[in-house]
C-alpha atoms as a PDB file:
ATOM      1  CA  MET A   1      -0.108  -0.878  -0.466  1.00  0.00           C
ATOM      2  CA  ASP A   2       0.878   3.314  -1.293  1.00  0.00           C
ATOM      3  CA  LEU A   3       0.856   5.594   2.153  1.00  0.00           C
ATOM      4  CA  ILE A   4       2.651   8.032   0.801  1.00  0.00           C
ATOM      5  CA  ALA A   5       0.652   8.267  -2.444  1.00  0.00           C
ATOM      6  CA  LEU A   6      -2.782   8.026  -0.131  1.00  0.00           C
ATOM      7  CA  GLU A   7      -0.813  11.049   2.031  1.00  0.00           C
ATOM      8  CA  GLU A   8      -0.709  13.294  -1.255  1.00  0.00           C
ATOM      9  CA  ILE A   9      -4.159  12.776  -2.519  1.00  0.00           C
ATOM     10  CA  ARG A  10      -5.917  13.963   0.743  1.00  0.00           C
ATOM     11  CA  ASN A  11      -3.804  17.096   0.854  1.00  0.00           C
ATOM     12  CA  LEU A  12      -4.792  17.600  -3.173  1.00  0.00           C
ATOM     13  CA  LYS A  13      -8.721  17.101  -1.657  1.00  0.00           C
ATOM     14  CA  ALA A  14      -8.253  19.337   0.886  1.00  0.00           C
ATOM     15  CA  ARG A  15      -6.525  21.240  -1.458  1.00  0.00           C
ATOM     16  CA  TYR A  16      -8.834  21.487  -4.151  1.00  0.00           C
ATOM     17  CA  LEU A  17     -12.222  22.528  -1.761  1.00  0.00           C
ATOM     18  CA  ARG A  18     -10.232  25.423   0.348  1.00  0.00           C
ATOM     19  CA  SER A  19      -8.904  26.881  -2.532  1.00  0.00           C
ATOM     20  CA  LEU A  20     -12.201  25.978  -4.297  1.00  0.00           C
ATOM     21  CA  ASP A  21     -13.782  27.685  -1.118  1.00  0.00           C
ATOM     22  CA  LEU A  22     -11.431  30.977  -0.424  1.00  0.00           C
ATOM     23  CA  LYS A  23     -11.361  31.615  -4.613  1.00  0.00           C
ATOM     24  CA  LEU A  24      -7.590  31.483  -5.035  1.00  0.00           C
ATOM     25  CA  TRP A  25      -8.016  30.510  -8.439  1.00  0.00           C
ATOM     26  CA  ASP A  26      -4.154  30.053  -9.962  1.00  0.00           C
ATOM     27  CA  VAL A  27      -3.921  27.072  -6.493  1.00  0.00           C
ATOM     28  CA  PHE A  28      -7.890  25.892  -7.680  1.00  0.00           C
ATOM     29  CA  ALA A  29      -6.872  25.093 -10.912  1.00  0.00           C
ATOM     30  CA  GLU A  30      -2.733  23.634  -9.632  1.00  0.00           C
ATOM     31  CA  THR A  31      -5.271  20.084  -8.490  1.00  0.00           C
ATOM     32  CA  LEU A  32      -6.707  19.712 -11.607  1.00  0.00           C
ATOM     33  CA  ALA A  33      -4.673  18.077 -14.835  1.00  0.00           C
ATOM     34  CA  GLU A  34      -5.533  20.106 -17.994  1.00  0.00           C
ATOM     35  CA  ASP A  35      -8.238  18.047 -19.163  1.00  0.00           C
ATOM     36  CA  VAL A  36     -10.471  16.807 -16.653  1.00  0.00           C
ATOM     37  CA  VAL A  37     -13.773  16.043 -16.666  1.00  0.00           C
ATOM     38  CA  ALA A  38     -15.346  17.118 -14.941  1.00  0.00           C
ATOM     39  CA  ASP A  39     -19.820  16.483 -13.519  1.00  0.00           C
ATOM     40  CA  TYR A  40     -20.896  18.135 -10.587  1.00  0.00           C
ATOM     41  CA  GLY A  41     -25.063  17.705  -9.728  1.00  0.00           C
ATOM     42  CA  SER A  42     -26.269  21.298  -9.504  1.00  0.00           C
ATOM     43  CA  PRO A  43     -29.890  21.269  -8.876  1.00  0.00           C
ATOM     44  CA  SER A  44     -29.819  25.109  -7.717  1.00  0.00           C
ATOM     45  CA  GLY A  45     -28.009  25.642 -10.487  1.00  0.00           C
ATOM     46  CA  GLY A  46     -30.463  25.088 -12.176  1.00  0.00           C
ATOM     47  CA  ARG A  47     -28.799  22.270 -14.460  1.00  0.00           C
ATOM     48  CA  PRO A  48     -26.262  19.394 -13.970  1.00  0.00           C
ATOM     49  CA  LEU A  49     -22.809  20.924 -14.796  1.00  0.00           C
ATOM     50  CA  ASN A  50     -20.543  18.956 -17.236  1.00  0.00           C
ATOM     51  CA  PHE A  51     -17.030  20.153 -18.397  1.00  0.00           C
ATOM     52  CA  THR A  52     -14.338  18.834 -20.633  1.00  0.00           C
ATOM     53  CA  SER A  53     -10.725  20.355 -19.399  1.00  0.00           C
ATOM     54  CA  ARG A  54      -9.201  23.158 -16.581  1.00  0.00           C
ATOM     55  CA  ASP A  55      -9.882  26.192 -18.501  1.00  0.00           C
ATOM     56  CA  GLN A  56     -14.100  25.397 -18.305  1.00  0.00           C
ATOM     57  CA  VAL A  57     -14.015  24.482 -14.474  1.00  0.00           C
ATOM     58  CA  VAL A  58     -11.654  26.980 -13.326  1.00  0.00           C
ATOM     59  CA  GLY A  59     -13.840  30.430 -15.702  1.00  0.00           C
ATOM     60  CA  TYR A  60     -17.205  28.788 -14.237  1.00  0.00           C
ATOM     61  CA  MET A  61     -15.788  28.658 -10.833  1.00  0.00           C
ATOM     62  CA  ARG A  62     -14.640  31.736 -11.181  1.00  0.00           C
ATOM     63  CA  GLY A  63     -18.288  33.599 -12.242  1.00  0.00           C
ATOM     64  CA  ALA A  64     -20.457  31.593 -10.682  1.00  0.00           C
ATOM     65  CA  LEU A  65     -18.821  31.404  -6.735  1.00  0.00           C
ATOM     66  CA  GLY A  66     -17.609  35.330  -6.911  1.00  0.00           C
ATOM     67  CA  ASP A  67     -18.574  38.174  -4.803  1.00  0.00           C
ATOM     68  CA  GLY A  68     -21.302  37.937  -2.920  1.00  0.00           C
ATOM     69  CA  MET A  69     -21.167  34.230  -2.926  1.00  0.00           C
ATOM     70  CA  THR A  70     -19.302  32.680  -0.247  1.00  0.00           C
ATOM     71  CA  THR A  71     -18.886  28.553  -0.347  1.00  0.00           C
ATOM     72  CA  VAL A  72     -18.191  26.320   2.699  1.00  0.00           C
ATOM     73  CA  HIS A  73     -17.091  21.966   1.049  1.00  0.00           C
ATOM     74  CA  VAL A  74     -16.219  19.616   3.961  1.00  0.00           C
ATOM     75  CA  VAL A  75     -15.460  16.085   2.588  1.00  0.00           C
ATOM     76  CA  HIS A  76     -15.461  13.091   4.400  1.00  0.00           C
ATOM     77  CA  ASN A  77     -15.001   9.095   4.474  1.00  0.00           C
ATOM     78  CA  PRO A  78     -12.644   9.206   1.811  1.00  0.00           C
ATOM     79  CA  GLU A  79     -11.829   5.165   0.041  1.00  0.00           C
ATOM     80  CA  LEU A  80      -8.700   5.658  -2.020  1.00  0.00           C
ATOM     81  CA  THR A  81      -6.874   3.334  -3.157  1.00  0.00           C
ATOM     82  CA  VAL A  82      -3.542   3.727  -5.225  1.00  0.00           C
ATOM     83  CA  ASP A  83      -2.009   1.803  -8.162  1.00  0.00           C
ATOM     84  CA  GLY A  84       0.451   3.175  -9.433  1.00  0.00           C
ATOM     85  CA  ASP A  85       0.171   6.646 -11.501  1.00  0.00           C
ATOM     86  CA  THR A  86      -3.401   6.543 -11.024  1.00  0.00           C
ATOM     87  CA  ALA A  87      -6.010   5.909  -8.059  1.00  0.00           C
ATOM     88  CA  GLN A  88      -9.274   6.277  -7.584  1.00  0.00           C
ATOM     89  CA  GLY A  89     -11.771   8.025  -4.483  1.00  0.00           C
ATOM     90  CA  THR A  90     -14.896   8.929  -3.188  1.00  0.00           C
ATOM     91  CA  TRP A  91     -15.537  11.222  -0.600  1.00  0.00           C
ATOM     92  CA  CYS A  92     -18.616  12.187   1.029  1.00  0.00           C
ATOM     93  CA  LEU A  93     -18.824  16.652   0.804  1.00  0.00           C
ATOM     94  CA  GLU A  94     -21.485  18.633   2.737  1.00  0.00           C
ATOM     95  CA  ASP A  95     -21.554  22.139   1.803  1.00  0.00           C
ATOM     96  CA  THR A  96     -22.621  25.590   3.214  1.00  0.00           C
ATOM     97  CA  VAL A  97     -23.276  27.561   0.152  1.00  0.00           C
ATOM     98  CA  VAL A  98     -24.437  32.016   1.339  1.00  0.00           C
ATOM     99  CA  VAL A  99     -25.724  33.688  -1.423  1.00  0.00           C
ATOM    100  CA  ASP A 100     -26.230  37.208   0.587  1.00  0.00           C
ATOM    101  CA  GLU A 101     -27.520  39.379  -3.049  1.00  0.00           C
ATOM    102  CA  TYR A 102     -30.769  36.817  -3.199  1.00  0.00           C
ATOM    103  CA  LYS A 103     -31.123  36.459   0.662  1.00  0.00           C
ATOM    104  CA  LEU A 104     -30.587  32.202   0.596  1.00  0.00           C
ATOM    105  CA  LEU A 105     -29.125  29.880   2.717  1.00  0.00           C
ATOM    106  CA  ILE A 106     -28.328  26.373   0.093  1.00  0.00           C
ATOM    107  CA  ARG A 107     -27.056  23.026   2.239  1.00  0.00           C
ATOM    108  CA  GLY A 108     -26.456  20.012   0.511  1.00  0.00           C
ATOM    109  CA  ALA A 109     -24.390  16.442   0.534  1.00  0.00           C
ATOM    110  CA  CYS A 110     -22.998  14.274  -1.953  1.00  0.00           C
ATOM    111  CA  TYR A 111     -20.652  11.692  -2.591  1.00  0.00           C
ATOM    112  CA  TYR A 112     -17.553  13.003  -4.821  1.00  0.00           C
ATOM    113  CA  THR A 113     -16.070   9.854  -7.718  1.00  0.00           C
ATOM    114  CA  ASP A 114     -12.627  10.783  -8.637  1.00  0.00           C
ATOM    115  CA  THR A 115      -9.673   9.753 -10.652  1.00  0.00           C
ATOM    116  CA  TYR A 116      -6.526  10.814  -9.470  1.00  0.00           C
ATOM    117  CA  GLY A 117      -2.906  10.887 -11.823  1.00  0.00           C
ATOM    118  CA  ARG A 118       0.163  11.441 -10.869  1.00  0.00           C
ATOM    119  CA  ALA A 119       3.140  13.362 -13.431  1.00  0.00           C
ATOM    120  CA  ASP A 120       5.956  14.835 -12.690  1.00  0.00           C
ATOM    121  CA  GLY A 121       5.577  14.128  -9.404  1.00  0.00           C
ATOM    122  CA  THR A 122       2.159  16.200  -8.810  1.00  0.00           C
ATOM    123  CA  TRP A 123      -1.309  14.164  -8.094  1.00  0.00           C
ATOM    124  CA  ARG A 124      -3.955  15.744 -10.039  1.00  0.00           C
ATOM    125  CA  ILE A 125      -7.977  15.436 -10.399  1.00  0.00           C
ATOM    126  CA  THR A 126      -8.477  13.866 -13.443  1.00  0.00           C
ATOM    127  CA  SER A 127     -12.390  13.718 -13.036  1.00  0.00           C
ATOM    128  CA  THR A 128     -14.311  14.343 -11.013  1.00  0.00           C
ATOM    129  CA  ARG A 129     -18.094  13.691  -9.558  1.00  0.00           C
ATOM    130  CA  TYR A 130     -21.202  13.753  -8.186  1.00  0.00           C
ATOM    131  CA  GLN A 131     -25.167  13.631  -7.907  1.00  0.00           C
ATOM    132  CA  ARG A 132     -27.081  14.904  -4.950  1.00  0.00           C
ATOM    133  CA  ILE A 133     -28.166  13.189  -2.388  1.00  0.00           C
ATOM    134  CA  TYR A 134     -30.293  15.763  -0.970  1.00  0.00           C
ATOM    135  CA  GLU A 135     -29.412  19.570  -1.235  1.00  0.00           C
ATOM    136  CA  TYR A 136     -31.597  22.840   0.650  1.00  0.00           C
ATOM    137  CA  MET A 137     -32.921  26.204  -0.302  1.00  0.00           C
ATOM    138  CA  VAL A 138     -34.579  28.581   2.778  1.00  0.00           C
ATOM    139  CA  PRO A 139     -34.533  32.513   2.186  1.00  0.00           C
ATOM    140  CA  PHE A 140     -33.067  34.637   4.941  1.00  0.00           C
ATOM    141  CA  ASP A 141     -36.585  35.925   6.464  1.00  0.00           C
ATOM    142  CA  ALA A 142     -37.809  32.087   6.190  1.00  0.00           C
ATOM    143  CA  MET A 143     -35.338  31.539   9.543  1.00  0.00           C
ATOM    144  CA  PRO A 144     -36.571  33.821  12.332  1.00  0.00           C
ATOM    145  CA  GLY A 145     -33.978  35.494  13.762  1.00  0.00           C
ATOM    146  CA  PHE A 146     -30.960  34.819  11.418  1.00  0.00           C
ATOM    147  CA  LYS A 147     -28.507  37.419  11.049  1.00  0.00           C
ATOM    148  CA  LEU A 148     -25.602  37.248   8.918  1.00  0.00           C
ATOM    149  CA  THR A 149     -23.113  38.107  11.012  1.00  0.00           C
ATOM    150  CA  SER A 150     -19.620  37.900   8.788  1.00  0.00           C
ATOM    151  CA  ASN A 151     -19.157  37.297   5.794  1.00  0.00           C
ATOM    152  CA  MET A 152     -15.770  36.916   4.047  1.00  0.00           C
ATOM    153  CA  TRP A 153     -16.832  38.080   0.421  1.00  0.00           C
ATOM    154  CA  PRO A 154     -20.591  40.498   0.450  1.00  0.00           C
ATOM    155  CA  LYS A 155     -21.975  41.678  -2.779  1.00  0.00           C
ATOM    156  CA  LEU A 156     -19.871  44.944  -3.288  1.00  0.00           C
ATOM    157  CA  PRO A 157     -22.420  47.745  -4.276  1.00  0.00           C
END
């Protein structure tokens, strides 16, 4: 068992999510293979999201998760297998999205199914996909007493 590779892949997935949530687009891009295939089930986005390149994924995320959109993605329960310079994994994802501009809270969960490739000693995500287990939206007004007291990315006037 390649324990070093397993730990490198865990770090890769953590960096993918951290850079997405913190809008570190160059770091986010580096977690993805140039020809990454990504399929995200996104009911709140109005449609499934399908991409076939790093530039498509990063471009979409940069545009969709701009000012006024705060996200937190948390994964756990990884199941990883490594075979040389390729690997597969599943992760349980729970995410929260605060859409300040529209006064909405979105929560959901799914299982990611990923593949990874190592080139020149660096692991990258070669494919990623998920189908939602559940997702819900709640207007801020529907939560009596709800008050957003901090937001790293408020919508700018």
